[in-house]
Amino acid sequence: MQWNKPIGFLDKRFVSFVLFGGLNTAVTYLLYLALSNSLHYQLAYLIAYGIGIVIAYVLNSRWVFNVASSARKILCYPLIYLVQYLFGAGLMYLFLKVFSLPNALAPLLVIILLLPISFYMNKRILSIKQPINGSEKT
């Protein structure tokens, strides 16, 4: 079964991305909640976010896009999450300080808003073809 065939109007990789992203989100969300009890919300968000990047790389490269790992991809991958972190940190500030939303709700809204951008950027980075070694699957 090929994972890049559409399911109705959805790309199967997108469905897998959402499912594995949901698993990663649950883990990092619980970590954020635990850390935010004793740390400033931005520091708790940063730590949980960093751990989430590692989990995301493993899940997305292996299970969503089924590509081999490479030094180039590993080095480029955090750029996805740097962009997302900057947008997410700004949204966290907006939701918590401007709109006074609950601490537990703000990161969930950030995740929902950044999901389409994350899928596109993951797809682009993890589909990088190796310029020298053509044996890598894309």
C-alpha atoms as a PDB file:
ATOM      1  CA  MET A   1       0.000   0.000   0.000  1.00  0.00           C
ATOM      2  CA  GLN A   2       1.418   3.349  -1.003  1.00  0.00           C
ATOM      3  CA  TRP A   3       1.013   6.052   1.619  1.00  0.00           C
ATOM      4  CA  ASN A   4       0.993   8.944  -0.822  1.00  0.00           C
ATOM      5  CA  LYS A   5      -2.245   7.924  -2.556  1.00  0.00           C
ATOM      6  CA  PRO A   6      -5.232  10.151  -1.783  1.00  0.00           C
ATOM      7  CA  ILE A   7      -8.011   9.187   0.629  1.00  0.00           C
ATOM      8  CA  GLY A   8     -10.893  11.053  -0.943  1.00  0.00           C
ATOM      9  CA  PHE A   9      -9.504  14.576  -1.157  1.00  0.00           C
ATOM     10  CA  LEU A  10      -6.773  14.001   1.473  1.00  0.00           C
ATOM     11  CA  ASP A  11      -3.214  12.880   0.859  1.00  0.00           C
ATOM     12  CA  LYS A  12      -2.508   9.796   3.030  1.00  0.00           C
ATOM     13  CA  ARG A  13       0.740  11.399   4.145  1.00  0.00           C
ATOM     14  CA  PHE A  14      -1.261  14.321   5.486  1.00  0.00           C
ATOM     15  CA  VAL A  15      -3.529  11.930   7.398  1.00  0.00           C
ATOM     16  CA  SER A  16      -0.469  10.138   8.818  1.00  0.00           C
ATOM     17  CA  PHE A  17       1.107  13.505   9.599  1.00  0.00           C
ATOM     18  CA  VAL A  18      -1.975  14.530  11.565  1.00  0.00           C
ATOM     19  CA  LEU A  19      -2.166  11.196  13.445  1.00  0.00           C
ATOM     20  CA  PHE A  20       1.524  11.057  14.387  1.00  0.00           C
ATOM     21  CA  GLY A  21       1.469  14.784  15.027  1.00  0.00           C
ATOM     22  CA  GLY A  22      -1.413  14.160  17.408  1.00  0.00           C
ATOM     23  CA  LEU A  23       0.684  11.639  19.302  1.00  0.00           C
ATOM     24  CA  ASN A  24       3.625  14.050  19.449  1.00  0.00           C
ATOM     25  CA  THR A  25       1.310  16.876  20.448  1.00  0.00           C
ATOM     26  CA  ALA A  26      -0.159  14.870  23.317  1.00  0.00           C
ATOM     27  CA  VAL A  27       3.292  14.056  24.670  1.00  0.00           C
ATOM     28  CA  THR A  28       4.643  17.599  24.344  1.00  0.00           C
ATOM     29  CA  TYR A  29       1.403  19.160  25.623  1.00  0.00           C
ATOM     30  CA  LEU A  30       1.524  17.072  28.793  1.00  0.00           C
ATOM     31  CA  LEU A  31       5.185  17.982  29.180  1.00  0.00           C
ATOM     32  CA  TYR A  32       4.324  21.685  28.746  1.00  0.00           C
ATOM     33  CA  LEU A  33       1.598  21.466  31.385  1.00  0.00           C
ATOM     34  CA  ALA A  34       3.929  19.734  33.831  1.00  0.00           C
ATOM     35  CA  LEU A  35       6.744  22.246  33.242  1.00  0.00           C
ATOM     36  CA  SER A  36       4.472  25.294  33.354  1.00  0.00           C
ATOM     37  CA  ASN A  37       3.608  24.481  36.974  1.00  0.00           C
ATOM     38  CA  SER A  38       7.115  25.461  38.012  1.00  0.00           C
ATOM     39  CA  LEU A  39       8.568  27.445  35.080  1.00  0.00           C
ATOM     40  CA  HIS A  40       7.607  30.622  33.200  1.00  0.00           C
ATOM     41  CA  TYR A  41       5.189  29.700  30.392  1.00  0.00           C
ATOM     42  CA  GLN A  42       7.673  30.689  27.633  1.00  0.00           C
ATOM     43  CA  LEU A  43      10.472  28.538  29.110  1.00  0.00           C
ATOM     44  CA  ALA A  44       8.082  25.616  29.558  1.00  0.00           C
ATOM     45  CA  TYR A  45       6.940  26.069  25.949  1.00  0.00           C
ATOM     46  CA  LEU A  46      10.553  26.218  24.689  1.00  0.00           C
ATOM     47  CA  ILE A  47      11.606  23.015  26.473  1.00  0.00           C
ATOM     48  CA  ALA A  48       8.523  21.071  25.408  1.00  0.00           C
ATOM     49  CA  TYR A  49       8.907  22.420  21.871  1.00  0.00           C
ATOM     50  CA  GLY A  50      12.556  21.301  21.645  1.00  0.00           C
ATOM     51  CA  ILE A  51      11.735  17.778  22.751  1.00  0.00           C
ATOM     52  CA  GLY A  52       8.834  17.767  20.294  1.00  0.00           C
ATOM     53  CA  ILE A  53      11.219  18.541  17.411  1.00  0.00           C
ATOM     54  CA  VAL A  54      13.216  15.386  18.090  1.00  0.00           C
ATOM     55  CA  ILE A  55      10.071  13.267  18.327  1.00  0.00           C
ATOM     56  CA  ALA A  56       8.651  14.867  15.162  1.00  0.00           C
ATOM     57  CA  TYR A  57      11.792  14.212  13.117  1.00  0.00           C
ATOM     58  CA  VAL A  58      11.769  10.518  14.011  1.00  0.00           C
ATOM     59  CA  LEU A  59       8.027  10.057  13.414  1.00  0.00           C
ATOM     60  CA  ASN A  60       7.832  12.138  10.232  1.00  0.00           C
ATOM     61  CA  SER A  61      10.949  10.833   8.513  1.00  0.00           C
ATOM     62  CA  ARG A  62      10.263   7.199   9.336  1.00  0.00           C
ATOM     63  CA  TRP A  63       6.489   6.817   9.421  1.00  0.00           C
ATOM     64  CA  VAL A  64       4.940   9.716   7.510  1.00  0.00           C
ATOM     65  CA  PHE A  65       7.289  10.364   4.586  1.00  0.00           C
ATOM     66  CA  ASN A  66       9.243   7.065   4.759  1.00  0.00           C
ATOM     67  CA  VAL A  67      12.595   8.652   3.946  1.00  0.00           C
ATOM     68  CA  ALA A  68      16.095   7.831   5.069  1.00  0.00           C
ATOM     69  CA  SER A  69      17.738  10.123   7.541  1.00  0.00           C
ATOM     70  CA  SER A  70      20.617  12.279   6.383  1.00  0.00           C
ATOM     71  CA  ALA A  71      22.877  14.868   7.941  1.00  0.00           C
ATOM     72  CA  ARG A  72      21.447  17.509   5.608  1.00  0.00           C
ATOM     73  CA  LYS A  73      17.864  16.777   6.642  1.00  0.00           C
ATOM     74  CA  ILE A  74      18.744  16.653  10.325  1.00  0.00           C
ATOM     75  CA  LEU A  75      20.457  20.044  10.025  1.00  0.00           C
ATOM     76  CA  CYS A  76      17.616  21.621   8.017  1.00  0.00           C
ATOM     77  CA  TYR A  77      14.770  20.124  10.039  1.00  0.00           C
ATOM     78  CA  PRO A  78      14.961  22.478  13.036  1.00  0.00           C
ATOM     79  CA  LEU A  79      14.408  25.424  10.660  1.00  0.00           C
ATOM     80  CA  ILE A  80      10.801  24.281  10.293  1.00  0.00           C
ATOM     81  CA  TYR A  81      10.325  24.517  13.998  1.00  0.00           C
ATOM     82  CA  LEU A  82      12.274  27.739  14.389  1.00  0.00           C
ATOM     83  CA  VAL A  83       9.738  29.415  12.101  1.00  0.00           C
ATOM     84  CA  GLN A  84       6.894  27.704  13.941  1.00  0.00           C
ATOM     85  CA  TYR A  85       8.329  28.575  17.344  1.00  0.00           C
ATOM     86  CA  LEU A  86       8.567  32.260  16.495  1.00  0.00           C
ATOM     87  CA  PHE A  87       4.984  32.338  15.242  1.00  0.00           C
ATOM     88  CA  GLY A  88       3.866  30.124  18.142  1.00  0.00           C
ATOM     89  CA  ALA A  89       5.582  32.241  20.801  1.00  0.00           C
ATOM     90  CA  GLY A  90       3.937  35.341  19.391  1.00  0.00           C
ATOM     91  CA  LEU A  91       0.559  33.650  19.315  1.00  0.00           C
ATOM     92  CA  MET A  92       1.072  32.367  22.876  1.00  0.00           C
ATOM     93  CA  TYR A  93       1.719  35.936  24.028  1.00  0.00           C
ATOM     94  CA  LEU A  94      -1.320  37.184  22.124  1.00  0.00           C
ATOM     95  CA  PHE A  95      -3.627  34.463  23.468  1.00  0.00           C
ATOM     96  CA  LEU A  96      -2.402  34.628  27.078  1.00  0.00           C
ATOM     97  CA  LYS A  97      -1.608  38.315  27.610  1.00  0.00           C
ATOM     98  CA  VAL A  98      -3.901  40.121  25.174  1.00  0.00           C
ATOM     99  CA  PHE A  99      -6.941  37.815  25.061  1.00  0.00           C
ATOM    100  CA  SER A 100      -6.417  36.301  28.563  1.00  0.00           C
ATOM    101  CA  LEU A 101      -7.157  32.764  27.374  1.00  0.00           C
ATOM    102  CA  PRO A 102      -6.509  29.888  29.797  1.00  0.00           C
ATOM    103  CA  ASN A 103      -2.932  28.577  30.001  1.00  0.00           C
ATOM    104  CA  ALA A 104      -4.095  25.099  28.956  1.00  0.00           C
ATOM    105  CA  LEU A 105      -5.968  26.330  25.850  1.00  0.00           C
ATOM    106  CA  ALA A 106      -3.386  28.641  24.252  1.00  0.00           C
ATOM    107  CA  PRO A 107      -0.919  26.003  22.966  1.00  0.00           C
ATOM    108  CA  LEU A 108      -3.759  23.954  21.477  1.00  0.00           C
ATOM    109  CA  LEU A 109      -4.896  26.930  19.414  1.00  0.00           C
ATOM    110  CA  VAL A 110      -1.314  27.549  18.282  1.00  0.00           C
ATOM    111  CA  ILE A 111      -1.020  23.941  17.104  1.00  0.00           C
ATOM    112  CA  ILE A 112      -4.253  24.101  15.114  1.00  0.00           C
ATOM    113  CA  LEU A 113      -3.281  27.352  13.417  1.00  0.00           C
ATOM    114  CA  LEU A 114       0.218  26.165  12.484  1.00  0.00           C
ATOM    115  CA  LEU A 115      -0.720  22.645  11.254  1.00  0.00           C
ATOM    116  CA  PRO A 116      -0.965  23.352   7.482  1.00  0.00           C
ATOM    117  CA  ILE A 117       2.285  25.323   7.479  1.00  0.00           C
ATOM    118  CA  SER A 118       4.046  22.546   9.373  1.00  0.00           C
ATOM    119  CA  PHE A 119       2.918  19.837   6.921  1.00  0.00           C
ATOM    120  CA  TYR A 120       4.104  21.801   3.904  1.00  0.00           C
ATOM    121  CA  MET A 121       7.489  22.598   5.461  1.00  0.00           C
ATOM    122  CA  ASN A 122       8.005  18.986   6.644  1.00  0.00           C
ATOM    123  CA  LYS A 123       7.189  17.692   3.188  1.00  0.00           C
ATOM    124  CA  ARG A 124       9.683  20.082   1.572  1.00  0.00           C
ATOM    125  CA  ILE A 125      12.554  19.430   4.002  1.00  0.00           C
ATOM    126  CA  LEU A 126      12.151  15.658   4.286  1.00  0.00           C
ATOM    127  CA  SER A 127      11.821  15.261   0.509  1.00  0.00           C
ATOM    128  CA  ILE A 128      15.218  16.837  -0.156  1.00  0.00           C
ATOM    129  CA  LYS A 129      17.130  14.659  -2.581  1.00  0.00           C
ATOM    130  CA  GLN A 130      20.749  14.014  -1.828  1.00  0.00           C
ATOM    131  CA  PRO A 131      22.887  15.701  -4.514  1.00  0.00           C
ATOM    132  CA  ILE A 132      25.738  13.165  -4.318  1.00  0.00           C
ATOM    133  CA  ASN A 133      24.235   9.899  -3.101  1.00  0.00           C
ATOM    134  CA  GLY A 134      21.158   9.049  -5.159  1.00  0.00           C
ATOM    135  CA  SER A 135      20.299   5.979  -3.091  1.00  0.00           C
ATOM    136  CA  GLU A 136      18.073   7.879  -0.637  1.00  0.00           C
ATOM    137  CA  LYS A 137      14.325   7.325  -0.963  1.00  0.00           C
ATOM    138  CA  THR A 138      12.151  10.413  -1.458  1.00  0.00           C
END
